[in-house]
């Protein structure tokens, strides 16, 4: 582990315990066991370190979405769309589960700390929502989903996933990923579709269907 990553790990541990505002650079240095000069070779200060934590988490979510089967061209039915959206939700929630400490920091400390931090977090949410809106627009164009305001729906989807994950992690419930993914997918998809057709219902109950 290089010094930068060592400081990131130390910063994550200290901020998770003390919170962003109460954390001092000296706390991170002490935890990492490095010299003060080493810290400032890697980061400009506490905010710079925190932005690196955010970037690391956002990168993990981006990677999870890239790995999910999230391509409307591969499906022919509303059930196929439902399956892909449900899979994307599960991939995102898996990032929160597998990186619980980092996720708690992002969810608890990502708002109202600093304009630069808020901007970084907002840019990430925008990026995910725009990707989701593009997917919805393509599905609507192919008549796999009913007409709707895809941008508003996309931001609602992102917000629902984030709030559900926050509650999940705040209560240290780091199991039951499939159950949570099914609950969130059901709420989102029933809102998008207006009703559940029999084949979509199979997706929402966790049964596999063909795209």
Protein backbone atom coordinates (compact mmCIF):
# COMPACT_ATOMS: atom_id res chain seq x y z
CA UNK A 1 0.00 0.00 0.00
CA UNK A 2 1.47 3.36 -1.02
CA UNK A 3 1.50 6.39 1.27
CA UNK A 4 -1.46 8.06 -0.41
CA UNK A 5 -3.65 5.00 -0.07
CA UNK A 6 -2.41 4.55 3.49
CA UNK A 7 -3.60 8.08 4.30
CA UNK A 8 -6.93 7.49 2.56
CA UNK A 9 -7.51 4.38 4.67
CA UNK A 10 -6.55 6.26 7.83
CA UNK A 11 -8.73 9.22 6.90
CA UNK A 12 -11.68 6.93 6.24
CA UNK A 13 -11.29 5.30 9.67
CA UNK A 14 -10.94 8.60 11.54
CA UNK A 15 -13.77 10.42 9.73
CA UNK A 16 -16.06 7.42 10.17
CA UNK A 17 -15.44 7.59 13.93
CA UNK A 18 -15.25 11.33 14.59
CA UNK A 19 -17.11 12.89 11.67
CA UNK A 20 -15.73 15.34 9.14
CA UNK A 21 -15.85 18.49 11.25
CA UNK A 22 -14.18 16.96 14.33
CA UNK A 23 -11.46 15.24 12.36
CA UNK A 24 -8.09 16.98 12.26
CA UNK A 25 -5.21 16.38 9.89
CA UNK A 26 -3.12 15.45 12.93
CA UNK A 27 -5.62 12.66 13.71
CA UNK A 28 -5.17 11.19 10.25
CA UNK A 29 -1.38 11.49 10.40
CA UNK A 30 -1.31 9.75 13.77
CA UNK A 31 -3.56 6.97 12.54
CA UNK A 32 -1.52 6.45 9.38
CA UNK A 33 1.78 6.61 11.23
CA UNK A 34 3.40 8.99 8.74
CA UNK A 35 5.14 12.34 8.96
CA UNK A 36 3.17 15.57 8.54
CA UNK A 37 5.15 16.39 5.41
CA UNK A 38 4.06 13.10 3.85
CA UNK A 39 0.42 14.07 4.27
CA UNK A 40 0.89 17.42 2.55
CA UNK A 41 2.78 15.79 -0.31
CA UNK A 42 -0.38 13.78 -1.01
CA UNK A 43 -3.16 16.20 -0.03
CA UNK A 44 -3.61 19.93 0.35
CA UNK A 45 -5.62 19.44 3.52
CA UNK A 46 -8.57 17.69 5.10
CA UNK A 47 -10.98 18.73 2.36
CA UNK A 48 -8.67 17.36 -0.32
CA UNK A 49 -8.55 14.04 1.52
CA UNK A 50 -12.33 13.95 1.85
CA UNK A 51 -12.78 14.70 -1.85
CA UNK A 52 -10.49 11.74 -2.57
CA UNK A 53 -12.73 9.53 -0.42
CA UNK A 54 -15.75 10.70 -2.39
CA UNK A 55 -13.98 10.11 -5.71
CA UNK A 56 -13.06 6.58 -4.65
CA UNK A 57 -16.64 5.73 -3.75
CA UNK A 58 -18.08 7.33 -6.88
CA UNK A 59 -15.59 5.37 -8.99
CA UNK A 60 -16.80 2.13 -7.40
CA UNK A 61 -20.42 2.98 -8.26
CA UNK A 62 -19.45 3.89 -11.83
CA UNK A 63 -17.66 0.55 -12.16
CA UNK A 64 -20.67 -1.33 -10.77
CA UNK A 65 -23.00 0.32 -13.29
CA UNK A 66 -20.58 -0.48 -16.11
CA UNK A 67 -20.65 -4.13 -15.05
CA UNK A 68 -24.47 -4.25 -14.83
CA UNK A 69 -26.46 -5.35 -17.87
CA UNK A 70 -27.91 -1.88 -18.39
CA UNK A 71 -28.50 -1.71 -22.16
CA UNK A 72 -32.03 -1.31 -23.46
CA UNK A 73 -30.98 -2.56 -26.91
CA UNK A 74 -30.66 -6.04 -25.40
CA UNK A 75 -34.28 -6.35 -24.30
CA UNK A 76 -37.58 -6.67 -26.12
CA UNK A 77 -40.18 -6.40 -23.35
CA UNK A 78 -41.07 -4.33 -20.31
CA UNK A 79 -40.03 -7.30 -18.18
CA UNK A 80 -36.58 -7.11 -19.74
CA UNK A 81 -36.37 -3.44 -18.82
CA UNK A 82 -37.51 -4.26 -15.29
CA UNK A 83 -34.84 -6.96 -14.99
CA UNK A 84 -32.08 -4.60 -16.11
CA UNK A 85 -33.17 -1.82 -13.75
CA UNK A 86 -33.42 -4.25 -10.87
CA UNK A 87 -29.94 -5.59 -11.67
CA UNK A 88 -28.50 -2.07 -11.78
CA UNK A 89 -30.06 -1.31 -8.38
CA UNK A 90 -28.57 -4.51 -6.94
CA UNK A 91 -25.12 -3.63 -8.30
CA UNK A 92 -25.24 -0.16 -6.73
CA UNK A 93 -26.44 -1.50 -3.37
CA UNK A 94 -23.66 -4.10 -3.44
CA UNK A 95 -21.15 -1.24 -3.55
CA UNK A 96 -22.74 0.27 -0.43
CA UNK A 97 -22.71 -3.12 1.30
CA UNK A 98 -19.14 -4.05 0.36
CA UNK A 99 -17.78 -0.61 1.24
CA UNK A 100 -19.97 0.14 4.24
CA UNK A 101 -17.55 2.41 6.11
CA UNK A 102 -16.84 4.53 3.05
CA UNK A 103 -20.54 4.57 2.13
CA UNK A 104 -21.53 5.81 5.59
CA UNK A 105 -19.05 8.67 5.26
CA UNK A 106 -20.42 9.64 1.85
CA UNK A 107 -24.06 9.41 2.92
CA UNK A 108 -23.69 11.14 6.27
CA UNK A 109 -21.11 13.74 5.36
CA UNK A 110 -21.67 14.50 1.72
CA UNK A 111 -24.10 17.39 2.16
CA UNK A 112 -23.55 20.84 3.61
CA UNK A 113 -19.89 20.45 4.54
CA UNK A 114 -18.29 22.66 1.92
CA UNK A 115 -19.27 24.05 -1.52
CA UNK A 116 -16.57 21.99 -3.28
CA UNK A 117 -17.71 18.80 -1.55
CA UNK A 118 -21.35 19.55 -2.36
CA UNK A 119 -20.41 20.24 -5.97
CA UNK A 120 -18.50 16.95 -6.29
CA UNK A 121 -21.40 15.00 -4.82
CA UNK A 122 -23.92 16.85 -6.98
CA UNK A 123 -21.91 16.19 -10.13
CA UNK A 124 -21.89 12.47 -9.34
CA UNK A 125 -25.65 12.37 -8.77
CA UNK A 126 -26.18 14.30 -12.00
CA UNK A 127 -24.03 11.81 -13.90
CA UNK A 128 -25.92 8.78 -12.62
CA UNK A 129 -29.32 10.44 -13.13
CA UNK A 130 -28.46 11.50 -16.69
CA UNK A 131 -27.41 7.94 -17.49
CA UNK A 132 -30.68 6.61 -16.06
CA UNK A 133 -32.75 9.24 -17.93
CA UNK A 134 -31.04 8.30 -21.19
CA UNK A 135 -31.92 4.66 -20.58
CA UNK A 136 -35.53 5.54 -19.80
CA UNK A 137 -35.80 7.72 -22.92
CA UNK A 138 -34.58 4.84 -25.06
CA UNK A 139 -37.05 2.43 -23.46
CA UNK A 140 -39.89 4.95 -23.95
CA UNK A 141 -38.93 5.47 -27.58
CA UNK A 142 -39.11 1.72 -28.14
CA UNK A 143 -42.50 1.65 -26.36
CA UNK A 144 -41.20 -0.61 -23.62
CA UNK A 145 -42.20 2.03 -21.03
CA UNK A 146 -45.09 4.52 -21.02
CA UNK A 147 -44.32 8.20 -21.77
CA UNK A 148 -43.11 10.17 -18.73
CA UNK A 149 -40.68 12.85 -17.64
CA UNK A 150 -37.54 10.72 -17.67
CA UNK A 151 -35.32 13.34 -16.02
CA UNK A 152 -37.56 13.75 -12.98
CA UNK A 153 -38.07 10.00 -12.73
CA UNK A 154 -34.31 9.38 -12.94
CA UNK A 155 -33.54 11.75 -10.05
CA UNK A 156 -36.30 10.14 -8.00
CA UNK A 157 -34.76 6.73 -8.69
CA UNK A 158 -31.29 7.85 -7.60
CA UNK A 159 -32.67 9.52 -4.47
CA UNK A 160 -34.68 6.46 -3.49
CA UNK A 161 -31.67 4.17 -3.80
CA UNK A 162 -29.51 6.53 -1.77
CA UNK A 163 -32.03 7.02 1.04
CA UNK A 164 -32.74 3.29 1.25
CA UNK A 165 -29.01 2.60 1.46
CA UNK A 166 -28.60 5.25 4.14
CA UNK A 167 -31.29 3.66 6.33
CA UNK A 168 -29.86 0.21 5.64
CA UNK A 169 -26.32 1.18 6.71
CA UNK A 170 -27.35 3.47 9.56
CA UNK A 171 -28.90 0.46 11.26
CA UNK A 172 -25.94 -1.80 10.42
CA UNK A 173 -28.11 -4.04 8.29
CA UNK A 174 -25.48 -5.18 5.83
CA UNK A 175 -27.21 -8.38 4.77
CA UNK A 176 -30.44 -8.87 2.85
CA UNK A 177 -29.17 -7.23 -0.34
CA UNK A 178 -31.61 -9.12 -2.57
CA UNK A 179 -34.55 -8.19 -0.35
CA UNK A 180 -33.63 -4.51 -0.35
CA UNK A 181 -33.01 -4.50 -4.10
CA UNK A 182 -36.40 -6.12 -4.68
CA UNK A 183 -38.20 -3.59 -2.46
CA UNK A 184 -36.55 -0.58 -4.12
CA UNK A 185 -37.02 -2.03 -7.60
CA UNK A 186 -40.69 -2.70 -6.91
CA UNK A 187 -41.38 0.86 -5.77
CA UNK A 188 -39.47 2.38 -8.66
CA UNK A 189 -40.79 0.12 -11.39
CA UNK A 190 -44.43 0.23 -10.33
CA UNK A 191 -44.15 4.01 -10.42
CA UNK A 192 -42.54 3.92 -13.86
CA UNK A 193 -44.83 1.30 -15.35
CA UNK A 194 -48.04 2.30 -13.60
CA UNK A 195 -48.90 -1.37 -13.13
CA UNK A 196 -47.16 -4.71 -13.02
CA UNK A 197 -47.86 -7.07 -15.91
CA UNK A 198 -47.50 -10.79 -15.11
CA UNK A 199 -44.00 -11.02 -16.60
CA UNK A 200 -42.82 -7.89 -14.76
CA UNK A 201 -44.28 -9.33 -11.55
CA UNK A 202 -41.91 -12.29 -11.96
CA UNK A 203 -38.99 -9.89 -12.03
CA UNK A 204 -40.24 -7.98 -8.99
CA UNK A 205 -40.56 -11.17 -6.94
CA UNK A 206 -36.96 -12.09 -7.76
CA UNK A 207 -37.60 -14.78 -10.36
CA UNK A 208 -35.32 -14.73 -13.37
CA UNK A 209 -36.83 -14.01 -16.78
CA UNK A 210 -35.37 -13.80 -20.24
CA UNK A 211 -34.61 -10.26 -21.54
